[in-house]
C-alpha atoms as a PDB file:
ATOM      1  CA  MET A   1      -3.484  23.957   4.777  1.00  0.00           C
ATOM      2  CA  LYS A   2      -0.771  22.937   7.219  1.00  0.00           C
ATOM      3  CA  ILE A   3       0.097  19.318   7.323  1.00  0.00           C
ATOM      4  CA  ALA A   4       2.341  17.309   9.788  1.00  0.00           C
ATOM      5  CA  LEU A   5       3.396  13.868   8.369  1.00  0.00           C
ATOM      6  CA  ILE A   6       3.871  10.994  10.934  1.00  0.00           C
ATOM      7  CA  GLY A   7       5.680   8.196   9.158  1.00  0.00           C
ATOM      8  CA  TYR A   8       8.156   9.146   6.090  1.00  0.00           C
ATOM      9  CA  GLY A   9       8.583   5.819   4.263  1.00  0.00           C
ATOM     10  CA  LYS A  10       7.350   5.435   0.717  1.00  0.00           C
ATOM     11  CA  MET A  11       3.854   6.366   1.731  1.00  0.00           C
ATOM     12  CA  GLY A  12       4.848   9.399   3.597  1.00  0.00           C
ATOM     13  CA  LYS A  13       6.903  10.738   0.934  1.00  0.00           C
ATOM     14  CA  GLU A  14       4.220   9.947  -1.851  1.00  0.00           C
ATOM     15  CA  ILE A  15       1.728  11.954   0.634  1.00  0.00           C
ATOM     16  CA  GLU A  16       4.195  14.759   0.892  1.00  0.00           C
ATOM     17  CA  ARG A  17       4.443  15.266  -2.751  1.00  0.00           C
ATOM     18  CA  ILE A  18       0.693  15.210  -3.258  1.00  0.00           C
ATOM     19  CA  ALA A  19       0.105  17.609  -0.716  1.00  0.00           C
ATOM     20  CA  VAL A  20       2.809  20.144  -1.810  1.00  0.00           C
ATOM     21  CA  GLU A  21       1.241  19.643  -5.373  1.00  0.00           C
ATOM     22  CA  ARG A  22      -2.135  20.590  -4.008  1.00  0.00           C
ATOM     23  CA  GLY A  23      -0.581  24.024  -2.210  1.00  0.00           C
ATOM     24  CA  HIS A  24      -0.252  22.519   1.407  1.00  0.00           C
ATOM     25  CA  GLU A  25       2.520  23.122   3.599  1.00  0.00           C
ATOM     26  CA  ILE A  26       4.177  20.398   5.417  1.00  0.00           C
ATOM     27  CA  VAL A  27       5.141  21.874   8.841  1.00  0.00           C
ATOM     28  CA  SER A  28       6.667  18.967  10.674  1.00  0.00           C
ATOM     29  CA  ILE A  29       7.918  15.420   9.529  1.00  0.00           C
ATOM     30  CA  ILE A  30       8.016  12.653  12.316  1.00  0.00           C
ATOM     31  CA  ASP A  31       9.947   9.517  11.645  1.00  0.00           C
ATOM     32  CA  ILE A  32      11.377   7.089  13.847  1.00  0.00           C
ATOM     33  CA  ASP A  33      14.384   9.023  14.571  1.00  0.00           C
ATOM     34  CA  ASN A  34      12.645  12.094  15.833  1.00  0.00           C
ATOM     35  CA  SER A  35       9.498  10.862  17.598  1.00  0.00           C
ATOM     36  CA  GLY A  36       9.665  13.390  20.244  1.00  0.00           C
ATOM     37  CA  ASP A  37       8.922  16.063  17.812  1.00  0.00           C
ATOM     38  CA  ILE A  38       5.296  15.407  17.849  1.00  0.00           C
ATOM     39  CA  GLU A  39       5.393  17.679  21.137  1.00  0.00           C
ATOM     40  CA  SER A  40       7.041  20.348  19.202  1.00  0.00           C
ATOM     41  CA  GLU A  41       5.612  23.800  18.229  1.00  0.00           C
ATOM     42  CA  ALA A  42       6.064  23.096  14.728  1.00  0.00           C
ATOM     43  CA  PHE A  43       3.912  20.080  14.802  1.00  0.00           C
ATOM     44  CA  ALA A  44       1.217  21.952  16.934  1.00  0.00           C
ATOM     45  CA  THR A  45       0.729  24.453  14.186  1.00  0.00           C
ATOM     46  CA  ALA A  46      -0.589  21.694  11.742  1.00  0.00           C
ATOM     47  CA  ASP A  47      -4.189  21.700  10.885  1.00  0.00           C
ATOM     48  CA  ALA A  48      -4.082  17.919  10.326  1.00  0.00           C
ATOM     49  CA  ALA A  49      -1.472  15.260  10.753  1.00  0.00           C
ATOM     50  CA  ILE A  50      -1.422  12.317   8.434  1.00  0.00           C
ATOM     51  CA  GLU A  51      -0.018   9.115  10.048  1.00  0.00           C
ATOM     52  CA  PHE A  52       0.991   6.011   8.153  1.00  0.00           C
ATOM     53  CA  THR A  53       3.385   3.918  10.386  1.00  0.00           C
ATOM     54  CA  ALA A  54       3.008   0.456  11.772  1.00  0.00           C
ATOM     55  CA  PRO A  55       0.615  -1.338  14.101  1.00  0.00           C
ATOM     56  CA  GLY A  56       2.936  -1.332  17.155  1.00  0.00           C
ATOM     57  CA  VAL A  57       3.180   2.546  17.116  1.00  0.00           C
ATOM     58  CA  ALA A  58       0.064   4.081  15.419  1.00  0.00           C
ATOM     59  CA  TYR A  59      -2.242   3.896  18.734  1.00  0.00           C
ATOM     60  CA  GLU A  60       0.451   6.086  20.519  1.00  0.00           C
ATOM     61  CA  ASN A  61       1.233   8.230  17.460  1.00  0.00           C
ATOM     62  CA  CYS A  62      -2.426   8.972  17.266  1.00  0.00           C
ATOM     63  CA  LYS A  63      -2.887   9.782  20.912  1.00  0.00           C
ATOM     64  CA  ARG A  64       0.128  11.892  21.015  1.00  0.00           C
ATOM     65  CA  ALA A  65      -1.062  13.907  18.100  1.00  0.00           C
ATOM     66  CA  MET A  66      -4.437  14.464  19.669  1.00  0.00           C
ATOM     67  CA  ALA A  67      -2.846  15.565  23.006  1.00  0.00           C
ATOM     68  CA  ALA A  68      -0.792  18.136  21.006  1.00  0.00           C
ATOM     69  CA  GLY A  69      -4.189  19.622  19.789  1.00  0.00           C
ATOM     70  CA  VAL A  70      -3.988  18.313  16.043  1.00  0.00           C
ATOM     71  CA  LYS A  71      -6.497  16.440  14.176  1.00  0.00           C
ATOM     72  CA  VAL A  72      -5.496  13.134  12.886  1.00  0.00           C
ATOM     73  CA  VAL A  73      -5.881  11.063   9.597  1.00  0.00           C
ATOM     74  CA  SER A  74      -4.715   7.709  10.033  1.00  0.00           C
ATOM     75  CA  GLY A  75      -4.248   5.006   7.550  1.00  0.00           C
ATOM     76  CA  SER A  76      -2.171   2.520   9.867  1.00  0.00           C
ATOM     77  CA  THR A  77      -3.881  -0.927   9.960  1.00  0.00           C
ATOM     78  CA  GLY A  78      -3.688  -3.769  12.740  1.00  0.00           C
ATOM     79  CA  TRP A  79      -4.447  -1.667  15.619  1.00  0.00           C
ATOM     80  CA  MET A  80      -8.032  -0.501  15.475  1.00  0.00           C
ATOM     81  CA  GLN A  81      -9.766  -3.738  16.588  1.00  0.00           C
ATOM     82  CA  GLN A  82      -8.161  -3.340  19.947  1.00  0.00           C
ATOM     83  CA  HIS A  83      -8.270   0.539  20.267  1.00  0.00           C
ATOM     84  CA  GLY A  84     -11.204   1.608  18.214  1.00  0.00           C
ATOM     85  CA  GLU A  85     -13.593   2.112  21.058  1.00  0.00           C
ATOM     86  CA  GLU A  86     -11.259   4.227  22.884  1.00  0.00           C
ATOM     87  CA  MET A  87     -10.438   6.399  19.827  1.00  0.00           C
ATOM     88  CA  LYS A  88     -14.209   6.752  19.258  1.00  0.00           C
ATOM     89  CA  ALA A  89     -14.647   7.711  22.842  1.00  0.00           C
ATOM     90  CA  LEU A  90     -11.764  10.333  22.587  1.00  0.00           C
ATOM     91  CA  CYS A  91     -13.442  11.844  19.829  1.00  0.00           C
ATOM     92  CA  GLU A  92     -16.944  11.580  20.906  1.00  0.00           C
ATOM     93  CA  LYS A  93     -16.407  12.810  24.540  1.00  0.00           C
ATOM     94  CA  GLU A  94     -13.334  14.925  24.464  1.00  0.00           C
ATOM     95  CA  GLY A  95     -13.681  16.515  21.131  1.00  0.00           C
ATOM     96  CA  LYS A  96     -10.692  14.962  19.423  1.00  0.00           C
ATOM     97  CA  THR A  97     -10.605  14.214  15.958  1.00  0.00           C
ATOM     98  CA  LEU A  98      -9.641  11.114  13.979  1.00  0.00           C
ATOM     99  CA  PHE A  99     -10.310   9.949  10.504  1.00  0.00           C
ATOM    100  CA  TRP A 100      -9.440   6.398   9.951  1.00  0.00           C
ATOM    101  CA  SER A 101      -9.617   4.132   7.239  1.00  0.00           C
ATOM    102  CA  SER A 102      -7.928   1.082   6.282  1.00  0.00           C
ATOM    103  CA  ASN A 103      -7.564   2.106   2.747  1.00  0.00           C
ATOM    104  CA  PHE A 104      -7.880   5.488   1.349  1.00  0.00           C
ATOM    105  CA  SER A 105      -8.222   4.820  -2.195  1.00  0.00           C
ATOM    106  CA  LEU A 106     -11.297   6.295  -4.077  1.00  0.00           C
ATOM    107  CA  GLY A 107     -11.208   3.210  -6.220  1.00  0.00           C
ATOM    108  CA  VAL A 108     -11.287   0.996  -2.943  1.00  0.00           C
ATOM    109  CA  ALA A 109     -14.144   3.155  -1.719  1.00  0.00           C
ATOM    110  CA  ILE A 110     -16.136   2.413  -5.003  1.00  0.00           C
ATOM    111  CA  PHE A 111     -15.158  -1.188  -4.678  1.00  0.00           C
ATOM    112  CA  SER A 112     -16.414  -1.358  -1.094  1.00  0.00           C
ATOM    113  CA  ALA A 113     -19.652  -0.090  -2.133  1.00  0.00           C
ATOM    114  CA  VAL A 114     -20.157  -2.624  -5.043  1.00  0.00           C
ATOM    115  CA  ASN A 115     -18.962  -5.411  -2.715  1.00  0.00           C
ATOM    116  CA  ARG A 116     -21.708  -4.608  -0.195  1.00  0.00           C
ATOM    117  CA  TYR A 117     -24.457  -4.285  -2.739  1.00  0.00           C
ATOM    118  CA  LEU A 118     -23.286  -7.708  -4.225  1.00  0.00           C
ATOM    119  CA  ALA A 119     -23.456  -9.384  -0.859  1.00  0.00           C
ATOM    120  CA  LYS A 120     -27.020  -7.796  -0.490  1.00  0.00           C
ATOM    121  CA  ILE A 121     -27.935  -9.759  -3.695  1.00  0.00           C
ATOM    122  CA  MET A 122     -26.102 -12.970  -2.931  1.00  0.00           C
ATOM    123  CA  ASN A 123     -27.890 -13.143   0.284  1.00  0.00           C
ATOM    124  CA  SER A 124     -30.857 -14.648  -1.366  1.00  0.00           C
ATOM    125  CA  TYR A 125     -28.777 -17.307  -3.341  1.00  0.00           C
ATOM    126  CA  PRO A 126     -27.361 -19.741  -0.768  1.00  0.00           C
ATOM    127  CA  GLY A 127     -26.086 -21.845  -3.230  1.00  0.00           C
ATOM    128  CA  TYR A 128     -23.128 -19.527  -3.775  1.00  0.00           C
ATOM    129  CA  SER A 129     -20.016 -19.841  -1.296  1.00  0.00           C
ATOM    130  CA  VAL A 130     -17.811 -16.810  -0.774  1.00  0.00           C
ATOM    131  CA  GLU A 131     -14.490 -16.444  -0.254  1.00  0.00           C
ATOM    132  CA  MET A 132     -11.642 -13.643  -0.118  1.00  0.00           C
ATOM    133  CA  THR A 133      -7.918 -13.319  -1.268  1.00  0.00           C
ATOM    134  CA  GLU A 134      -5.851 -10.126  -0.554  1.00  0.00           C
ATOM    135  CA  THR A 135      -2.087  -9.748  -2.006  1.00  0.00           C
ATOM    136  CA  HIS A 136       0.288  -7.255  -0.646  1.00  0.00           C
ATOM    137  CA  HIS A 137       4.267  -6.739  -0.705  1.00  0.00           C
ATOM    138  CA  ILE A 138       6.407  -8.686   1.376  1.00  0.00           C
ATOM    139  CA  HIS A 139       6.950  -5.632   4.064  1.00  0.00           C
ATOM    140  CA  LYS A 140       3.302  -5.641   5.217  1.00  0.00           C
ATOM    141  CA  LEU A 141       3.204  -6.602   8.829  1.00  0.00           C
ATOM    142  CA  ASP A 142      -0.442  -7.675   9.427  1.00  0.00           C
ATOM    143  CA  ALA A 143      -2.467 -10.235   7.577  1.00  0.00           C
ATOM    144  CA  PRO A 144      -5.305 -10.304   6.736  1.00  0.00           C
ATOM    145  CA  SER A 145      -5.099  -6.737   5.650  1.00  0.00           C
ATOM    146  CA  GLY A 146      -7.402  -4.054   7.047  1.00  0.00           C
ATOM    147  CA  THR A 147      -8.858  -3.473   3.876  1.00  0.00           C
ATOM    148  CA  ALA A 148      -9.737  -7.138   3.682  1.00  0.00           C
ATOM    149  CA  ILE A 149     -11.312  -6.943   7.048  1.00  0.00           C
ATOM    150  CA  THR A 150     -13.285  -3.929   6.084  1.00  0.00           C
ATOM    151  CA  LEU A 151     -14.638  -5.618   3.007  1.00  0.00           C
ATOM    152  CA  ALA A 152     -15.308  -8.866   4.926  1.00  0.00           C
ATOM    153  CA  GLU A 153     -17.471  -6.651   7.542  1.00  0.00           C
ATOM    154  CA  GLY A 154     -19.442  -5.246   4.686  1.00  0.00           C
ATOM    155  CA  ILE A 155     -20.180  -8.755   3.523  1.00  0.00           C
ATOM    156  CA  LEU A 156     -21.193 -10.068   6.934  1.00  0.00           C
ATOM    157  CA  ALA A 157     -23.452  -6.943   7.352  1.00  0.00           C
ATOM    158  CA  GLU A 158     -25.423  -8.290   4.340  1.00  0.00           C
ATOM    159  CA  LEU A 159     -24.871 -12.100   4.195  1.00  0.00           C
ATOM    160  CA  ASP A 160     -27.207 -13.959   6.823  1.00  0.00           C
ATOM    161  CA  ARG A 161     -25.121 -17.176   6.322  1.00  0.00           C
ATOM    162  CA  LYS A 162     -21.810 -15.679   7.417  1.00  0.00           C
ATOM    163  CA  SER A 163     -21.414 -14.447  11.082  1.00  0.00           C
ATOM    164  CA  SER A 164     -17.435 -13.743  11.286  1.00  0.00           C
ATOM    165  CA  TRP A 165     -14.405 -13.909   9.061  1.00  0.00           C
ATOM    166  CA  THR A 166     -11.369 -16.005   9.842  1.00  0.00           C
ATOM    167  CA  MET A 167      -7.710 -15.928   8.598  1.00  0.00           C
ATOM    168  CA  GLY A 168      -7.194 -18.434   5.850  1.00  0.00           C
ATOM    169  CA  ASP A 169      -3.872 -19.742   4.198  1.00  0.00           C
ATOM    170  CA  LEU A 170      -0.969 -17.243   4.105  1.00  0.00           C
ATOM    171  CA  THR A 171       1.274 -17.649   1.351  1.00  0.00           C
ATOM    172  CA  ASN A 172       4.759 -16.371   2.597  1.00  0.00           C
ATOM    173  CA  PRO A 173       7.299 -14.030   0.656  1.00  0.00           C
ATOM    174  CA  ASP A 174       9.362 -17.482   0.093  1.00  0.00           C
ATOM    175  CA  GLY A 175       6.498 -19.173  -1.410  1.00  0.00           C
ATOM    176  CA  SER A 176       5.582 -21.492   1.336  1.00  0.00           C
ATOM    177  CA  VAL A 177       2.157 -21.519   2.574  1.00  0.00           C
ATOM    178  CA  THR A 178       1.014 -21.384   6.074  1.00  0.00           C
ATOM    179  CA  GLU A 179      -1.935 -23.537   6.096  1.00  0.00           C
ATOM    180  CA  ALA A 180      -5.356 -22.467   8.072  1.00  0.00           C
ATOM    181  CA  PRO A 181      -7.736 -25.045   9.488  1.00  0.00           C
ATOM    182  CA  ALA A 182     -10.740 -25.184   7.539  1.00  0.00           C
ATOM    183  CA  GLU A 183     -13.522 -22.826   8.117  1.00  0.00           C
ATOM    184  CA  THR A 184     -16.886 -23.514   9.507  1.00  0.00           C
ATOM    185  CA  ALA A 185     -20.187 -22.747   7.231  1.00  0.00           C
ATOM    186  CA  GLU A 186     -20.636 -19.486   9.339  1.00  0.00           C
ATOM    187  CA  GLN A 187     -16.944 -17.951   8.434  1.00  0.00           C
ATOM    188  CA  LEU A 188     -15.796 -16.203   5.565  1.00  0.00           C
ATOM    189  CA  ARG A 189     -12.198 -17.204   4.795  1.00  0.00           C
ATOM    190  CA  ILE A 190      -9.695 -14.685   4.042  1.00  0.00           C
ATOM    191  CA  ASN A 191      -6.625 -15.874   2.333  1.00  0.00           C
ATOM    192  CA  ALA A 192      -3.444 -13.720   2.289  1.00  0.00           C
ATOM    193  CA  ILE A 193      -0.285 -13.557  -0.081  1.00  0.00           C
ATOM    194  CA  ARG A 194       2.669 -11.644   0.435  1.00  0.00           C
ATOM    195  CA  ARG A 195       4.640 -11.317  -2.993  1.00  0.00           C
ATOM    196  CA  ASP A 196       7.138  -8.725  -4.413  1.00  0.00           C
ATOM    197  CA  GLU A 197       6.406  -4.975  -4.118  1.00  0.00           C
ATOM    198  CA  VAL A 198       2.394  -5.651  -4.819  1.00  0.00           C
ATOM    199  CA  PRO A 199       0.648  -2.274  -3.522  1.00  0.00           C
ATOM    200  CA  GLY A 200      -2.404  -4.168  -2.975  1.00  0.00           C
ATOM    201  CA  ILE A 201      -5.012  -6.753  -4.624  1.00  0.00           C
ATOM    202  CA  HIS A 202      -8.565  -7.539  -3.083  1.00  0.00           C
ATOM    203  CA  THR A 203     -10.632 -10.322  -4.791  1.00  0.00           C
ATOM    204  CA  VAL A 204     -14.093 -11.423  -3.632  1.00  0.00           C
ATOM    205  CA  ARG A 205     -15.334 -14.894  -5.444  1.00  0.00           C
ATOM    206  CA  TYR A 206     -18.759 -16.410  -4.856  1.00  0.00           C
ATOM    207  CA  ASP A 207     -18.811 -19.787  -6.361  1.00  0.00           C
ATOM    208  CA  SER A 208     -21.382 -22.387  -7.011  1.00  0.00           C
ATOM    209  CA  VAL A 209     -21.656 -25.787  -8.987  1.00  0.00           C
ATOM    210  CA  ALA A 210     -22.805 -23.831 -12.196  1.00  0.00           C
ATOM    211  CA  ASP A 211     -20.644 -20.567 -12.336  1.00  0.00           C
ATOM    212  CA  SER A 212     -18.646 -18.191 -10.370  1.00  0.00           C
ATOM    213  CA  ILE A 213     -18.774 -14.246  -9.840  1.00  0.00           C
ATOM    214  CA  THR A 214     -15.482 -12.314  -8.998  1.00  0.00           C
ATOM    215  CA  ILE A 215     -15.072  -8.834  -8.162  1.00  0.00           C
ATOM    216  CA  THR A 216     -11.504  -7.460  -7.907  1.00  0.00           C
ATOM    217  CA  HIS A 217      -9.526  -4.424  -7.107  1.00  0.00           C
ATOM    218  CA  ASP A 218      -5.976  -4.110  -8.273  1.00  0.00           C
ATOM    219  CA  ALA A 219      -3.939  -1.008  -7.306  1.00  0.00           C
ATOM    220  CA  LYS A 220      -1.237   0.132  -9.609  1.00  0.00           C
ATOM    221  CA  ASN A 221       0.675   2.390  -7.221  1.00  0.00           C
ATOM    222  CA  ARG A 222       0.404   4.333  -3.816  1.00  0.00           C
ATOM    223  CA  SER A 223      -0.675   7.384  -5.639  1.00  0.00           C
ATOM    224  CA  GLY A 224      -4.296   6.449  -5.136  1.00  0.00           C
ATOM    225  CA  PHE A 225      -4.068   6.002  -1.331  1.00  0.00           C
ATOM    226  CA  ALA A 226      -2.001   9.124  -1.038  1.00  0.00           C
ATOM    227  CA  LEU A 227      -4.405  11.231  -2.652  1.00  0.00           C
ATOM    228  CA  GLY A 228      -7.150   9.865  -0.473  1.00  0.00           C
ATOM    229  CA  ALA A 229      -5.279  10.618   2.614  1.00  0.00           C
ATOM    230  CA  VAL A 230      -4.572  14.282   1.612  1.00  0.00           C
ATOM    231  CA  LEU A 231      -8.300  14.575   0.586  1.00  0.00           C
ATOM    232  CA  ALA A 232      -8.951  13.360   4.215  1.00  0.00           C
ATOM    233  CA  ALA A 233      -7.000  15.846   5.652  1.00  0.00           C
ATOM    234  CA  GLU A 234      -8.536  18.668   3.664  1.00  0.00           C
ATOM    235  CA  PHE A 235     -11.950  17.314   5.070  1.00  0.00           C
ATOM    236  CA  VAL A 236     -10.943  17.253   8.736  1.00  0.00           C
ATOM    237  CA  LYS A 237      -9.879  20.893   8.606  1.00  0.00           C
ATOM    238  CA  ASP A 238     -13.379  21.978   8.636  1.00  0.00           C
ATOM    239  CA  ASN A 239     -15.153  18.500  10.188  1.00  0.00           C
ATOM    240  CA  SER A 240     -14.605  16.917  13.456  1.00  0.00           C
ATOM    241  CA  GLY A 241     -15.159  13.756  15.373  1.00  0.00           C
ATOM    242  CA  PHE A 242     -14.439   9.921  14.531  1.00  0.00           C
ATOM    243  CA  LEU A 243     -14.575   9.727  10.791  1.00  0.00           C
ATOM    244  CA  GLY A 244     -14.144   7.251   7.960  1.00  0.00           C
ATOM    245  CA  MET A 245     -14.568   6.993   4.063  1.00  0.00           C
ATOM    246  CA  LYS A 246     -18.160   7.044   4.429  1.00  0.00           C
ATOM    247  CA  ASP A 247     -18.170  10.722   5.645  1.00  0.00           C
ATOM    248  CA  LEU A 248     -15.962  11.837   2.770  1.00  0.00           C
ATOM    249  CA  PHE A 249     -17.468   9.894  -0.141  1.00  0.00           C
ATOM    250  CA  LYS A 250     -21.435   9.957  -0.074  1.00  0.00           C
ATOM    251  CA  PHE A 251     -22.114   6.798  -1.847  1.00  0.00           C
END
C-alpha cells in the first residue's frame, strides 16, 4: 500500500523503515519545512497517512490530511481531549477516517487489557489504594502521557471509588520535582518522570497495609510503537470511521 508520513523525527524514520520492510511504498514525507506538501498530488495518492508530531500541530495535520481525502493514523497525544468529539463527528457524519491511539504497541494493548481486568477485580477490595507513574524521555511535551491517561480511563471505568484522574508530581529532566497538591479520595493520581531517552514506562500500583500489587509495561525502544502504527495503517486501508486499538486487537 501507499503510505504518507507526517512527522519525520525518530518515530517517523522508524515507521518508514518498518513500512518499507513490510513491502509498502512511502509516497510523501511531510515535516516542519514542507508542511504545504499535504496539499500535493503525491500526498493525495496515499492509502493512509501516519501522523506523529506534536500536540500543537497534530489537530491541523489531521484535518488537512482528511481534507485531502486521505485516511489518517495518528499517534500524537495531548490534543484529543480538546478535539476528540470533533474528530469523531468528522468520521461519523462526513465519512472521514481517523485511527487514533495514545500508544500503538501490542504490548501496551495487552497491558491495557490486564490493567482494566485488574481494576475490575480490585473494585471489590477498597482497602487497596491505587496510583500510577509514567516515565518518558526529556523531549516529551505533554504530562501525564496519553498512554497514562488511557490507562487511567480504563481504571476509572471499573473502580467505583475513583471518579477522575489528576496530575501528580512531575520529576523534571534536571531532577527537580514540581509537586502537585494532594489528591482527593476520588482522584487517581498520575505521577510523571522525565528522564534521559526513556521510550516509555507505565506502572500501576495497588497498595494496602498488608501488601502491594504492581503491574508495569517497560518499552525497550520505538520499534513496537512503529510496527503498531504500520499495522493500523494496513487496517484502515479496508476499514473506515473513528477507530482505535480496540478495533485492531480484539481482546
